Amino acid sequence: MDFALAFLVGGALCLAAQLVLDLTRVTPAHVMVLFVSLGAVASGAGLYEPLVKLGGAGAIVPLPAFGHALVDGIVREVGRTGPLGLLTGGFDAVALGLTVAVVSALLAAAIFNPRG
């Protein structure tokens, strides 16, 4: 059942992004920013965590989860260190994911012949 819920939640998020791309003149870059921002707002309003509990990986993997991770990290760090957490919490929460993305891109560019 967990797999089905993850598939449905993740699929619904991806479907929403695809509909925005197909039905508007918004660029993919704008959709990325929109969905990260929506994830951050939903997390700040307390709406994204129940979605994570319901959909598991289906809610953790798509773009809104990045915004959720930023806000969640900031809230945790502000509670732990005070106002300094506003600056450090987001970095602490997403550092591993960003590092993996950068190193993977570097390896792919070293192995393959990038265009452009």
PDB file of N, CA and C in Angstrom:
ATOM      1  N   MET A   1       0.823  -1.200   0.000  1.00  0.00           N
ATOM      2  CA  MET A   1       0.000   0.000   0.000  1.00  0.00           C
ATOM      3  C   MET A   1       0.867   1.265   0.000  1.00  0.00           C
ATOM      4  N   ASP A   2       2.019   1.188   0.700  1.00  0.00           N
ATOM      5  CA  ASP A   2       2.910   2.347   0.737  1.00  0.00           C
ATOM      6  C   ASP A   2       3.398   2.725  -0.657  1.00  0.00           C
ATOM      7  N   PHE A   3       3.695   1.698  -1.480  1.00  0.00           N
ATOM      8  CA  PHE A   3       4.165   1.968  -2.831  1.00  0.00           C
ATOM      9  C   PHE A   3       3.087   2.669  -3.659  1.00  0.00           C
ATOM     10  N   ALA A   4       1.870   2.227  -3.499  1.00  0.00           N
ATOM     11  CA  ALA A   4       0.766   2.829  -4.251  1.00  0.00           C
ATOM     12  C   ALA A   4       0.555   4.284  -3.850  1.00  0.00           C
ATOM     13  N   LEU A   5       0.608   4.562  -2.547  1.00  0.00           N
ATOM     14  CA  LEU A   5       0.448   5.949  -2.087  1.00  0.00           C
ATOM     15  C   LEU A   5       1.599   6.823  -2.566  1.00  0.00           C
ATOM     16  N   ALA A   6       2.817   6.294  -2.514  1.00  0.00           N
ATOM     17  CA  ALA A   6       3.969   7.052  -3.006  1.00  0.00           C
ATOM     18  C   ALA A   6       3.811   7.353  -4.495  1.00  0.00           C
ATOM     19  N   PHE A   7       3.370   6.360  -5.242  1.00  0.00           N
ATOM     20  CA  PHE A   7       3.161   6.545  -6.673  1.00  0.00           C
ATOM     21  C   PHE A   7       2.080   7.590  -6.945  1.00  0.00           C
ATOM     22  N   LEU A   8       0.988   7.522  -6.215  1.00  0.00           N
ATOM     23  CA  LEU A   8      -0.116   8.457  -6.435  1.00  0.00           C
ATOM     24  C   LEU A   8       0.256   9.886  -6.036  1.00  0.00           C
ATOM     25  N   VAL A   9       0.904  10.057  -4.896  1.00  0.00           N
ATOM     26  CA  VAL A   9       1.283  11.407  -4.447  1.00  0.00           C
ATOM     27  C   VAL A   9       2.348  11.996  -5.365  1.00  0.00           C
ATOM     28  N   GLY A  10       3.396  11.220  -5.644  1.00  0.00           N
ATOM     29  CA  GLY A  10       4.444  11.700  -6.546  1.00  0.00           C
ATOM     30  C   GLY A  10       3.919  11.970  -7.944  1.00  0.00           C
ATOM     31  N   GLY A  11       3.062  11.081  -8.410  1.00  0.00           N
ATOM     32  CA  GLY A  11       2.464  11.265  -9.728  1.00  0.00           C
ATOM     33  C   GLY A  11       1.591  12.498  -9.807  1.00  0.00           C
ATOM     34  N   ALA A  12       0.841  12.760  -8.728  1.00  0.00           N
ATOM     35  CA  ALA A  12      -0.012  13.956  -8.707  1.00  0.00           C
ATOM     36  C   ALA A  12       0.831  15.234  -8.732  1.00  0.00           C
ATOM     37  N   LEU A  13       1.935  15.246  -7.992  1.00  0.00           N
ATOM     38  CA  LEU A  13       2.813  16.424  -8.012  1.00  0.00           C
ATOM     39  C   LEU A  13       3.434  16.619  -9.392  1.00  0.00           C
ATOM     40  N   CYS A  14       3.887  15.533  -9.986  1.00  0.00           N
ATOM     41  CA  CYS A  14       4.489  15.632 -11.317  1.00  0.00           C
ATOM     42  C   CYS A  14       3.442  15.992 -12.375  1.00  0.00           C
ATOM     43  N   LEU A  15       2.239  15.469 -12.241  1.00  0.00           N
ATOM     44  CA  LEU A  15       1.157  15.821 -13.155  1.00  0.00           C
ATOM     45  C   LEU A  15       0.839  17.306 -13.073  1.00  0.00           C
ATOM     46  N   ALA A  16       0.809  17.834 -11.861  1.00  0.00           N
ATOM     47  CA  ALA A  16       0.537  19.266 -11.693  1.00  0.00           C
ATOM     48  C   ALA A  16       1.610  20.107 -12.391  1.00  0.00           C
ATOM     49  N   ALA A  17       2.871  19.711 -12.237  1.00  0.00           N
ATOM     50  CA  ALA A  17       3.956  20.452 -12.898  1.00  0.00           C
ATOM     51  C   ALA A  17       3.830  20.351 -14.418  1.00  0.00           C
ATOM     52  N   GLN A  18       3.516  19.164 -14.901  1.00  0.00           N
ATOM     53  CA  GLN A  18       3.383  18.981 -16.347  1.00  0.00           C
ATOM     54  C   GLN A  18       2.213  19.776 -16.905  1.00  0.00           C
ATOM     55  N   LEU A  19       1.107  19.841 -16.175  1.00  0.00           N
ATOM     56  CA  LEU A  19      -0.038  20.633 -16.625  1.00  0.00           C
ATOM     57  C   LEU A  19       0.303  22.116 -16.682  1.00  0.00           C
ATOM     58  N   VAL A  20       1.066  22.592 -15.704  1.00  0.00           N
ATOM     59  CA  VAL A  20       1.491  23.996 -15.743  1.00  0.00           C
ATOM     60  C   VAL A  20       2.344  24.243 -16.979  1.00  0.00           C
ATOM     61  N   LEU A  21       3.243  23.317 -17.290  1.00  0.00           N
ATOM     62  CA  LEU A  21       4.082  23.469 -18.484  1.00  0.00           C
ATOM     63  C   LEU A  21       3.262  23.425 -19.776  1.00  0.00           C
ATOM     64  N   ASP A  22       2.312  22.506 -19.833  1.00  0.00           N
ATOM     65  CA  ASP A  22       1.551  22.309 -21.065  1.00  0.00           C
ATOM     66  C   ASP A  22       0.470  23.365 -21.300  1.00  0.00           C
ATOM     67  N   LEU A  23      -0.119  23.870 -20.235  1.00  0.00           N
ATOM     68  CA  LEU A  23      -1.271  24.760 -20.386  1.00  0.00           C
ATOM     69  C   LEU A  23      -0.937  26.245 -20.273  1.00  0.00           C
ATOM     70  N   THR A  24       0.295  26.555 -19.938  1.00  0.00           N
ATOM     71  CA  THR A  24       0.705  27.958 -19.825  1.00  0.00           C
ATOM     72  C   THR A  24       1.955  28.187 -20.658  1.00  0.00           C
ATOM     73  N   ARG A  25       2.382  29.421 -20.709  1.00  0.00           N
ATOM     74  CA  ARG A  25       3.604  29.747 -21.437  1.00  0.00           C
ATOM     75  C   ARG A  25       4.788  29.887 -20.483  1.00  0.00           C
ATOM     76  N   VAL A  26       4.666  29.269 -19.318  1.00  0.00           N
ATOM     77  CA  VAL A  26       5.706  29.325 -18.296  1.00  0.00           C
ATOM     78  C   VAL A  26       6.862  28.411 -18.707  1.00  0.00           C
ATOM     79  N   THR A  27       8.086  28.874 -18.490  1.00  0.00           N
ATOM     80  CA  THR A  27       9.255  28.074 -18.845  1.00  0.00           C
ATOM     81  C   THR A  27       9.531  27.022 -17.770  1.00  0.00           C
ATOM     82  N   PRO A  28      10.274  25.977 -18.115  1.00  0.00           N
ATOM     83  CA  PRO A  28      10.620  24.970 -17.107  1.00  0.00           C
ATOM     84  C   PRO A  28      11.348  25.554 -15.895  1.00  0.00           C
ATOM     85  N   ALA A  29      12.182  26.549 -16.111  1.00  0.00           N
ATOM     86  CA  ALA A  29      12.888  27.169 -14.983  1.00  0.00           C
ATOM     87  C   ALA A  29      11.903  27.847 -14.031  1.00  0.00           C
ATOM     88  N   HIS A  30      10.901  28.492 -14.586  1.00  0.00           N
ATOM     89  CA  HIS A  30       9.891  29.135 -13.746  1.00  0.00           C
ATOM     90  C   HIS A  30       9.064  28.103 -12.981  1.00  0.00           C
ATOM     91  N   VAL A  31       8.783  26.972 -13.618  1.00  0.00           N
ATOM     92  CA  VAL A  31       8.030  25.913 -12.940  1.00  0.00           C
ATOM     93  C   VAL A  31       8.852  25.361 -11.779  1.00  0.00           C
ATOM     94  N   MET A  32      10.158  25.198 -11.979  1.00  0.00           N
ATOM     95  CA  MET A  32      11.011  24.716 -10.886  1.00  0.00           C
ATOM     96  C   MET A  32      10.957  25.677  -9.706  1.00  0.00           C
ATOM     97  N   VAL A  33      11.110  26.952  -9.967  1.00  0.00           N
ATOM     98  CA  VAL A  33      11.070  27.943  -8.886  1.00  0.00           C
ATOM     99  C   VAL A  33       9.692  27.964  -8.237  1.00  0.00           C
ATOM    100  N   LEU A  34       8.643  27.891  -9.042  1.00  0.00           N
ATOM    101  CA  LEU A  34       7.283  27.888  -8.520  1.00  0.00           C
ATOM    102  C   LEU A  34       7.049  26.709  -7.578  1.00  0.00           C
ATOM    103  N   PHE A  35       7.458  25.512  -7.985  1.00  0.00           N
ATOM    104  CA  PHE A  35       7.189  24.337  -7.172  1.00  0.00           C
ATOM    105  C   PHE A  35       8.061  24.284  -5.918  1.00  0.00           C
ATOM    106  N   VAL A  36       9.295  24.747  -5.986  1.00  0.00           N
ATOM    107  CA  VAL A  36      10.113  24.830  -4.774  1.00  0.00           C
ATOM    108  C   VAL A  36       9.490  25.843  -3.815  1.00  0.00           C
ATOM    109  N   SER A  37       9.042  26.970  -4.347  1.00  0.00           N
ATOM    110  CA  SER A  37       8.411  27.994  -3.506  1.00  0.00           C
ATOM    111  C   SER A  37       7.105  27.497  -2.905  1.00  0.00           C
ATOM    112  N   LEU A  38       6.301  26.794  -3.703  1.00  0.00           N
ATOM    113  CA  LEU A  38       5.050  26.233  -3.171  1.00  0.00           C
ATOM    114  C   LEU A  38       5.320  25.207  -2.072  1.00  0.00           C
ATOM    115  N   GLY A  39       6.365  24.413  -2.244  1.00  0.00           N
ATOM    116  CA  GLY A  39       6.743  23.461  -1.208  1.00  0.00           C
ATOM    117  C   GLY A  39       7.164  24.158   0.068  1.00  0.00           C
ATOM    118  N   ALA A  40       7.888  25.279  -0.067  1.00  0.00           N
ATOM    119  CA  ALA A  40       8.323  26.045   1.107  1.00  0.00           C
ATOM    120  C   ALA A  40       7.123  26.665   1.816  1.00  0.00           C
ATOM    121  N   VAL A  41       6.202  27.233   1.054  1.00  0.00           N
ATOM    122  CA  VAL A  41       5.009  27.849   1.649  1.00  0.00           C
ATOM    123  C   VAL A  41       4.139  26.781   2.320  1.00  0.00           C
ATOM    124  N   ALA A  42       3.956  25.653   1.648  1.00  0.00           N
ATOM    125  CA  ALA A  42       3.158  24.569   2.227  1.00  0.00           C
ATOM    126  C   ALA A  42       3.809  24.032   3.497  1.00  0.00           C
ATOM    127  N   SER A  43       5.108  23.962   3.511  1.00  0.00           N
ATOM    128  CA  SER A  43       5.813  23.505   4.712  1.00  0.00           C
ATOM    129  C   SER A  43       5.659  24.503   5.843  1.00  0.00           C
ATOM    130  N   GLY A  44       5.797  25.773   5.533  1.00  0.00           N
ATOM    131  CA  GLY A  44       5.629  26.805   6.545  1.00  0.00           C
ATOM    132  C   GLY A  44       4.226  26.841   7.116  1.00  0.00           C
ATOM    133  N   ALA A  45       3.244  26.483   6.305  1.00  0.00           N
ATOM    134  CA  ALA A  45       1.853  26.457   6.755  1.00  0.00           C
ATOM    135  C   ALA A  45       1.485  25.139   7.430  1.00  0.00           C
ATOM    136  N   GLY A  46       2.441  24.211   7.467  1.00  0.00           N
ATOM    137  CA  GLY A  46       2.177  22.921   8.110  1.00  0.00           C
ATOM    138  C   GLY A  46       1.417  21.939   7.241  1.00  0.00           C
ATOM    139  N   LEU A  47       1.368  22.178   5.941  1.00  0.00           N
ATOM    140  CA  LEU A  47       0.604  21.316   5.037  1.00  0.00           C
ATOM    141  C   LEU A  47       1.446  20.241   4.356  1.00  0.00           C
ATOM    142  N   TYR A  48       2.760  20.446   4.273  1.00  0.00           N
ATOM    143  CA  TYR A  48       3.573  19.502   3.509  1.00  0.00           C
ATOM    144  C   TYR A  48       3.955  18.267   4.316  1.00  0.00           C
ATOM    145  N   GLU A  49       4.159  18.423   5.625  1.00  0.00           N
ATOM    146  CA  GLU A  49       4.538  17.276   6.457  1.00  0.00           C
ATOM    147  C   GLU A  49       3.480  16.175   6.442  1.00  0.00           C
ATOM    148  N   PRO A  50       2.179  16.491   6.523  1.00  0.00           N
ATOM    149  CA  PRO A  50       1.175  15.412   6.390  1.00  0.00           C
ATOM    150  C   PRO A  50       1.233  14.721   5.025  1.00  0.00           C
ATOM    151  N   LEU A  51       1.578  15.473   3.985  1.00  0.00           N
ATOM    152  CA  LEU A  51       1.727  14.879   2.660  1.00  0.00           C
ATOM    153  C   LEU A  51       2.908  13.919   2.636  1.00  0.00           C
ATOM    154  N   VAL A  52       3.992  14.274   3.315  1.00  0.00           N
ATOM    155  CA  VAL A  52       5.158  13.392   3.420  1.00  0.00           C
ATOM    156  C   VAL A  52       4.786  12.123   4.184  1.00  0.00           C
ATOM    157  N   LYS A  53       4.036  12.269   5.256  1.00  0.00           N
ATOM    158  CA  LYS A  53       3.612  11.097   6.027  1.00  0.00           C
ATOM    159  C   LYS A  53       2.696  10.192   5.193  1.00  0.00           C
ATOM    160  N   LEU A  54       1.862  10.780   4.359  1.00  0.00           N
ATOM    161  CA  LEU A  54       0.953  10.004   3.515  1.00  0.00           C
ATOM    162  C   LEU A  54       1.687   9.355   2.346  1.00  0.00           C
ATOM    163  N   GLY A  55       2.467  10.152   1.611  1.00  0.00           N
ATOM    164  CA  GLY A  55       3.055   9.678   0.367  1.00  0.00           C
ATOM    165  C   GLY A  55       4.478   9.205   0.440  1.00  0.00           C
ATOM    166  N   GLY A  56       5.150   9.369   1.555  1.00  0.00           N
ATOM    167  CA  GLY A  56       6.531   8.900   1.693  1.00  0.00           C
ATOM    168  C   GLY A  56       7.430   9.461   0.611  1.00  0.00           C
ATOM    169  N   ALA A  57       8.114   8.565  -0.096  1.00  0.00           N
ATOM    170  CA  ALA A  57       9.056   8.979  -1.132  1.00  0.00           C
ATOM    171  C   ALA A  57       8.373   9.745  -2.262  1.00  0.00           C
ATOM    172  N   GLY A  58       7.097   9.512  -2.469  1.00  0.00           N
ATOM    173  CA  GLY A  58       6.369  10.240  -3.502  1.00  0.00           C
ATOM    174  C   GLY A  58       6.278  11.720  -3.213  1.00  0.00           C
ATOM    175  N   ALA A  59       6.400  12.095  -1.941  1.00  0.00           N
ATOM    176  CA  ALA A  59       6.377  13.507  -1.562  1.00  0.00           C
ATOM    177  C   ALA A  59       7.767  14.038  -1.246  1.00  0.00           C
ATOM    178  N   ILE A  60       8.723  13.155  -1.018  1.00  0.00           N
ATOM    179  CA  ILE A  60      10.077  13.593  -0.650  1.00  0.00           C
ATOM    180  C   ILE A  60      10.945  13.846  -1.878  1.00  0.00           C
ATOM    181  N   VAL A  61      10.692  13.158  -2.971  1.00  0.00           N
ATOM    182  CA  VAL A  61      11.554  13.256  -4.140  1.00  0.00           C
ATOM    183  C   VAL A  61      11.266  14.462  -5.044  1.00  0.00           C
ATOM    184  N   PRO A  62      10.016  14.836  -5.332  1.00  0.00           N
ATOM    185  CA  PRO A  62       9.771  15.934  -6.278  1.00  0.00           C
ATOM    186  C   PRO A  62      10.243  17.300  -5.765  1.00  0.00           C
ATOM    187  N   LEU A  63      10.199  18.270  -6.647  1.00  0.00           N
ATOM    188  CA  LEU A  63      10.704  19.617  -6.352  1.00  0.00           C
ATOM    189  C   LEU A  63      10.119  20.287  -5.119  1.00  0.00           C
ATOM    190  N   PRO A  64       8.833  20.177  -4.828  1.00  0.00           N
ATOM    191  CA  PRO A  64       8.332  20.846  -3.622  1.00  0.00           C
ATOM    192  C   PRO A  64       9.038  20.374  -2.347  1.00  0.00           C
ATOM    193  N   ALA A  65       9.576  19.169  -2.359  1.00  0.00           N
ATOM    194  CA  ALA A  65      10.276  18.652  -1.188  1.00  0.00           C
ATOM    195  C   ALA A  65      11.543  19.442  -0.899  1.00  0.00           C
ATOM    196  N   PHE A  66      12.154  20.035  -1.914  1.00  0.00           N
ATOM    197  CA  PHE A  66      13.344  20.860  -1.688  1.00  0.00           C
ATOM    198  C   PHE A  66      12.972  22.097  -0.881  1.00  0.00           C
ATOM    199  N   GLY A  67      11.875  22.730  -1.239  1.00  0.00           N
ATOM    200  CA  GLY A  67      11.393  23.877  -0.466  1.00  0.00           C
ATOM    201  C   GLY A  67      11.007  23.465   0.940  1.00  0.00           C
ATOM    202  N   HIS A  68      10.394  22.303   1.071  1.00  0.00           N
ATOM    203  CA  HIS A  68      10.031  21.780   2.390  1.00  0.00           C
ATOM    204  C   HIS A  68      11.282  21.545   3.233  1.00  0.00           C
ATOM    205  N   ALA A  69      12.319  20.966   2.631  1.00  0.00           N
ATOM    206  CA  ALA A  69      13.557  20.698   3.367  1.00  0.00           C
ATOM    207  C   ALA A  69      14.211  21.996   3.827  1.00  0.00           C
ATOM    208  N   LEU A  70      14.186  23.019   2.977  1.00  0.00           N
ATOM    209  CA  LEU A  70      14.757  24.314   3.367  1.00  0.00           C
ATOM    210  C   LEU A  70      14.037  24.889   4.576  1.00  0.00           C
ATOM    211  N   VAL A  71      12.725  24.936   4.517  1.00  0.00           N
ATOM    212  CA  VAL A  71      11.949  25.518   5.622  1.00  0.00           C
ATOM    213  C   VAL A  71      12.080  24.668   6.877  1.00  0.00           C
ATOM    214  N   ASP A  72      12.031  23.361   6.724  1.00  0.00           N
ATOM    215  CA  ASP A  72      12.160  22.476   7.876  1.00  0.00           C
ATOM    216  C   ASP A  72      13.519  22.662   8.556  1.00  0.00           C
ATOM    217  N   GLY A  73      14.580  22.775   7.754  1.00  0.00           N
ATOM    218  CA  GLY A  73      15.913  23.005   8.314  1.00  0.00           C
ATOM    219  C   GLY A  73      16.016  24.343   9.017  1.00  0.00           C
ATOM    220  N   ILE A  74      15.419  25.368   8.449  1.00  0.00           N
ATOM    221  CA  ILE A  74      15.450  26.698   9.061  1.00  0.00           C
ATOM    222  C   ILE A  74      14.702  26.694  10.388  1.00  0.00           C
ATOM    223  N   VAL A  75      13.532  26.089  10.405  1.00  0.00           N
ATOM    224  CA  VAL A  75      12.733  26.044  11.646  1.00  0.00           C
ATOM    225  C   VAL A  75      13.499  25.293  12.737  1.00  0.00           C
ATOM    226  N   ARG A  76      14.112  24.166  12.383  1.00  0.00           N
ATOM    227  CA  ARG A  76      14.881  23.393  13.351  1.00  0.00           C
ATOM    228  C   ARG A  76      16.064  24.185  13.904  1.00  0.00           C
ATOM    229  N   GLU A  77      16.803  24.849  13.022  1.00  0.00           N
ATOM    230  CA  GLU A  77      17.980  25.594  13.455  1.00  0.00           C
ATOM    231  C   GLU A  77      17.622  26.841  14.254  1.00  0.00           C
ATOM    232  N   VAL A  78      16.541  27.500  13.908  1.00  0.00           N
ATOM    233  CA  VAL A  78      16.114  28.675  14.687  1.00  0.00           C
ATOM    234  C   VAL A  78      15.757  28.235  16.099  1.00  0.00           C
ATOM    235  N   GLY A  79      15.113  27.097  16.226  1.00  0.00           N
ATOM    236  CA  GLY A  79      14.789  26.585  17.548  1.00  0.00           C
ATOM    237  C   GLY A  79      16.019  26.191  18.341  1.00  0.00           C
ATOM    238  N   ARG A  80      17.055  25.764  17.646  1.00  0.00           N
ATOM    239  CA  ARG A  80      18.269  25.302  18.315  1.00  0.00           C
ATOM    240  C   ARG A  80      19.267  26.422  18.588  1.00  0.00           C
ATOM    241  N   THR A  81      19.490  27.313  17.601  1.00  0.00           N
ATOM    242  CA  THR A  81      20.547  28.322  17.733  1.00  0.00           C
ATOM    243  C   THR A  81      20.029  29.752  17.764  1.00  0.00           C
ATOM    244  N   GLY A  82      18.743  29.946  17.558  1.00  0.00           N
ATOM    245  CA  GLY A  82      18.207  31.303  17.552  1.00  0.00           C
ATOM    246  C   GLY A  82      18.205  31.887  16.153  1.00  0.00           C
ATOM    247  N   PRO A  83      18.255  33.218  16.055  1.00  0.00           N
ATOM    248  CA  PRO A  83      18.142  33.892  14.757  1.00  0.00           C
ATOM    249  C   PRO A  83      19.212  33.495  13.740  1.00  0.00           C
ATOM    250  N   LEU A  84      20.361  33.050  14.198  1.00  0.00           N
ATOM    251  CA  LEU A  84      21.403  32.611  13.264  1.00  0.00           C
ATOM    252  C   LEU A  84      20.923  31.439  12.416  1.00  0.00           C
ATOM    253  N   GLY A  85      19.977  30.672  12.937  1.00  0.00           N
ATOM    254  CA  GLY A  85      19.427  29.546  12.205  1.00  0.00           C
ATOM    255  C   GLY A  85      18.724  29.941  10.918  1.00  0.00           C
ATOM    256  N   LEU A  86      18.285  31.196  10.822  1.00  0.00           N
ATOM    257  CA  LEU A  86      17.688  31.678   9.569  1.00  0.00           C
ATOM    258  C   LEU A  86      18.682  31.604   8.422  1.00  0.00           C
ATOM    259  N   LEU A  87      19.945  31.801   8.722  1.00  0.00           N
ATOM    260  CA  LEU A  87      20.981  31.784   7.689  1.00  0.00           C
ATOM    261  C   LEU A  87      21.577  30.404   7.471  1.00  0.00           C
ATOM    262  N   THR A  88      21.676  29.603   8.520  1.00  0.00           N
ATOM    263  CA  THR A  88      22.384  28.329   8.406  1.00  0.00           C
ATOM    264  C   THR A  88      21.471  27.119   8.243  1.00  0.00           C
ATOM    265  N   GLY A  89      20.232  27.198   8.689  1.00  0.00           N
ATOM    266  CA  GLY A  89      19.354  26.033   8.698  1.00  0.00           C
ATOM    267  C   GLY A  89      19.070  25.447   7.328  1.00  0.00           C
ATOM    268  N   GLY A  90      18.809  26.290   6.355  1.00  0.00           N
ATOM    269  CA  GLY A  90      18.520  25.805   5.011  1.00  0.00           C
ATOM    270  C   GLY A  90      19.709  25.112   4.381  1.00  0.00           C
ATOM    271  N   PHE A  91      20.899  25.692   4.583  1.00  0.00           N
ATOM    272  CA  PHE A  91      22.113  25.078   4.037  1.00  0.00           C
ATOM    273  C   PHE A  91      22.375  23.719   4.676  1.00  0.00           C
ATOM    274  N   ASP A  92      22.192  23.654   5.974  1.00  0.00           N
ATOM    275  CA  ASP A  92      22.432  22.411   6.694  1.00  0.00           C
ATOM    276  C   ASP A  92      21.486  21.313   6.219  1.00  0.00           C
ATOM    277  N   ALA A  93      20.248  21.670   5.936  1.00  0.00           N
ATOM    278  CA  ALA A  93      19.228  20.675   5.566  1.00  0.00           C
ATOM    279  C   ALA A  93      19.419  20.117   4.164  1.00  0.00           C
ATOM    280  N   VAL A  94      19.941  20.904   3.241  1.00  0.00           N
ATOM    281  CA  VAL A  94      20.011  20.450   1.845  1.00  0.00           C
ATOM    282  C   VAL A  94      21.438  20.261   1.338  1.00  0.00           C
ATOM    283  N   ALA A  95      22.421  20.375   2.220  1.00  0.00           N
ATOM    284  CA  ALA A  95      23.821  20.304   1.794  1.00  0.00           C
ATOM    285  C   ALA A  95      24.156  18.977   1.117  1.00  0.00           C
ATOM    286  N   LEU A  96      23.727  17.879   1.692  1.00  0.00           N
ATOM    287  CA  LEU A  96      24.051  16.571   1.120  1.00  0.00           C
ATOM    288  C   LEU A  96      23.451  16.410  -0.275  1.00  0.00           C
ATOM    289  N   GLY A  97      22.190  16.760  -0.431  1.00  0.00           N
ATOM    290  CA  GLY A  97      21.548  16.632  -1.739  1.00  0.00           C
ATOM    291  C   GLY A  97      22.206  17.490  -2.804  1.00  0.00           C
ATOM    292  N   LEU A  98      22.560  18.715  -2.457  1.00  0.00           N
ATOM    293  CA  LEU A  98      23.236  19.590  -3.416  1.00  0.00           C
ATOM    294  C   LEU A  98      24.628  19.080  -3.754  1.00  0.00           C
ATOM    295  N   THR A  99      25.332  18.563  -2.765  1.00  0.00           N
ATOM    296  CA  THR A  99      26.670  18.023  -3.008  1.00  0.00           C
ATOM    297  C   THR A  99      26.609  16.835  -3.954  1.00  0.00           C
ATOM    298  N   VAL A 100      25.667  15.938  -3.739  1.00  0.00           N
ATOM    299  CA  VAL A 100      25.519  14.778  -4.620  1.00  0.00           C
ATOM    300  C   VAL A 100      25.190  15.233  -6.041  1.00  0.00           C
ATOM    301  N   ALA A 101      24.335  16.221  -6.189  1.00  0.00           N
ATOM    302  CA  ALA A 101      23.970  16.718  -7.523  1.00  0.00           C
ATOM    303  C   ALA A 101      25.171  17.322  -8.235  1.00  0.00           C
ATOM    304  N   VAL A 102      25.964  18.128  -7.525  1.00  0.00           N
ATOM    305  CA  VAL A 102      27.128  18.771  -8.143  1.00  0.00           C
ATOM    306  C   VAL A 102      28.191  17.738  -8.513  1.00  0.00           C
ATOM    307  N   VAL A 103      28.484  16.808  -7.604  1.00  0.00           N
ATOM    308  CA  VAL A 103      29.503  15.788  -7.885  1.00  0.00           C
ATOM    309  C   VAL A 103      29.043  14.872  -9.019  1.00  0.00           C
ATOM    310  N   SER A 104      27.767  14.513  -9.045  1.00  0.00           N
ATOM    311  CA  SER A 104      27.250  13.676 -10.138  1.00  0.00           C
ATOM    312  C   SER A 104      27.360  14.384 -11.478  1.00  0.00           C
ATOM    313  N   ALA A 105      27.047  15.667 -11.499  1.00  0.00           N
ATOM    314  CA  ALA A 105      27.166  16.439 -12.739  1.00  0.00           C
ATOM    315  C   ALA A 105      28.618  16.528 -13.184  1.00  0.00           C
ATOM    316  N   LEU A 106      29.531  16.708 -12.234  1.00  0.00           N
ATOM    317  CA  LEU A 106      30.950  16.772 -12.561  1.00  0.00           C
ATOM    318  C   LEU A 106      31.435  15.447 -13.140  1.00  0.00           C
ATOM    319  N   LEU A 107      31.047  14.348 -12.518  1.00  0.00           N
ATOM    320  CA  LEU A 107      31.441  13.027 -13.039  1.00  0.00           C
ATOM    321  C   LEU A 107      30.848  12.776 -14.414  1.00  0.00           C
ATOM    322  N   ALA A 108      29.589  13.131 -14.605  1.00  0.00           N
ATOM    323  CA  ALA A 108      28.962  12.918 -15.917  1.00  0.00           C
ATOM    324  C   ALA A 108      29.660  13.754 -16.987  1.00  0.00           C
ATOM    325  N   ALA A 109      30.053  14.974 -16.648  1.00  0.00           N
ATOM    326  CA  ALA A 109      30.754  15.818 -17.623  1.00  0.00           C
ATOM    327  C   ALA A 109      32.156  15.286 -17.909  1.00  0.00           C
ATOM    328  N   ALA A 110      32.785  14.654 -16.915  1.00  0.00           N
ATOM    329  CA  ALA A 110      34.121  14.097 -17.122  1.00  0.00           C
ATOM    330  C   ALA A 110      34.063  12.828 -17.961  1.00  0.00           C
ATOM    331  N   ILE A 111      33.014  12.039 -17.805  1.00  0.00           N
ATOM    332  CA  ILE A 111      32.906  10.766 -18.523  1.00  0.00           C
ATOM    333  C   ILE A 111      32.381  10.959 -19.933  1.00  0.00           C
ATOM    334  N   PHE A 112      31.378  11.819 -20.089  1.00  0.00           N
ATOM    335  CA  PHE A 112      30.738  12.000 -21.384  1.00  0.00           C
ATOM    336  C   PHE A 112      31.157  13.322 -21.991  1.00  0.00           C
ATOM    337  N   ASN A 113      30.832  13.538 -23.242  1.00  0.00           N
ATOM    338  CA  ASN A 113      31.179  14.769 -23.937  1.00  0.00           C
ATOM    339  C   ASN A 113      29.994  15.736 -23.863  1.00  0.00           C
ATOM    340  N   PRO A 114      30.030  16.683 -22.925  1.00  0.00           N
ATOM    341  CA  PRO A 114      28.882  17.599 -22.801  1.00  0.00           C
ATOM    342  C   PRO A 114      28.781  18.535 -23.992  1.00  0.00           C
ATOM    343  N   ARG A 115      27.551  18.852 -24.366  1.00  0.00           N
ATOM    344  CA  ARG A 115      27.328  19.810 -25.448  1.00  0.00           C
ATOM    345  C   ARG A 115      26.967  21.151 -24.844  1.00  0.00           C
ATOM    346  N   GLY A 116      27.590  22.202 -25.309  1.00  0.00           N
ATOM    347  CA  GLY A 116      27.250  23.531 -24.852  1.00  0.00           C
ATOM    348  C   GLY A 116      28.038  23.901 -23.712  1.00  0.00           C
TER     349      GLY A 116
END
